Amino acid sequence: MKKLILCTVIFLLATFVGYSQQANQGSAGVQSLLEKLKSDDDVIRYEGLQALSKLGNVVAPAIADTLKQENGYAKVYAARVLLNIEPENALALNALSEIARNKQEQNSVRRYASYVMALTSTGVNTLAGMLKDEDLFVRRSAAFALEEALENGTFLPSGLRPALYDSLPSLVSALADDDKIVSGVAAEAIHQVMNKDIPALNEAAKSSDPKVRKAAVAMLERLKTSSPAEGLEADAKPGFEEATDKNAMFLHGTLGLIRALRLGGEPVKDYRSLPDAKSPFVIHIVLNPSTRKMSLRKNQFNPYEDLK
């Protein structure tokens, strides 16, 4: 009997030790992936994002801690993990909203946070409200993110479309913003909505505010006489990245995540030209290095210009 009890105790201890070792190894693996979110390399950050997202709810507590402790891209990518696990995660969306408004944060990170918000319905609603923020940078970021989402609407989850359509009244109001970039990008965003009635725009055309009325009437005329430029796709030739990285007329950064959905997903490289005397338009190129596929389009404003 004593021998049986001893064997049972030894078995239980061995099992416990085995589980403990597995748990420690798992914890170390998660920590290693969390470290990737802090990398300066967008590709490495994205590797961490993908791997952590696949682990699901089991990593949610560790990600929540990262949101509290980190800043910069690490915090934004932690929020992205939570949104991959739970698409409308309130903790993640609140963190992104705080980052976008945080003047102590790098402007590039603040704008990136706004673009991430544009991938959720709640985030789109928050961006619509940000168009009225006192902070000019916040208003610009919201306008840029909403324009990008509307431009790529057919490639986004169908559940986002109602929220994007609901953002149109706020974009109509932004047509009268004193900042030419906010009002101009708002016009570009509305221009993406073809063959749909925009009641807010018709109402604004009757506004008692002459500034609002003038902007709305001009937008209605624009919708009648022109259509959004069609985007093109092409294959990148060898050496394209190296040449574009060195080209002083191109700015590049991390804001290609919405357009990436056209190319099958991230990571991508995002390039935008600077407007010059010859052309008021910006050439927007998003490259997927793994497939060598590029998406090309013309816009009027460059979201990297005020990040310099």
Foldseek 3Di string as FASTA:
>chain_A
DVVVVVVVVVVVVVVVVVVVVVVVVVVVVLVVLLVQQVDPDPVSNVVSLVVLLVVAPVCLVVLLVQCVPDDASSNLSSLSSVCSRPVPDPSSLVSLLCLLVDPVYQLQRNLLSLLSLLQGLVSLVVLLVQCPDPDPSSNLSSLQNLLLCLLLVVLHPPVNVVSSLVSLLSLLVQCLPPDCSSNQSSLSSVLSDAPDDNVSLVVQCVDPPVSSVVSSVVSVVCNVPDHFDDKDKDAADPPPVVVQVPDPQKDWDQSCQSVCSVVPGDDWIWIWGPDDPVGQKIWIWIAHVVRRMIIIGIDRDDPCVVSD
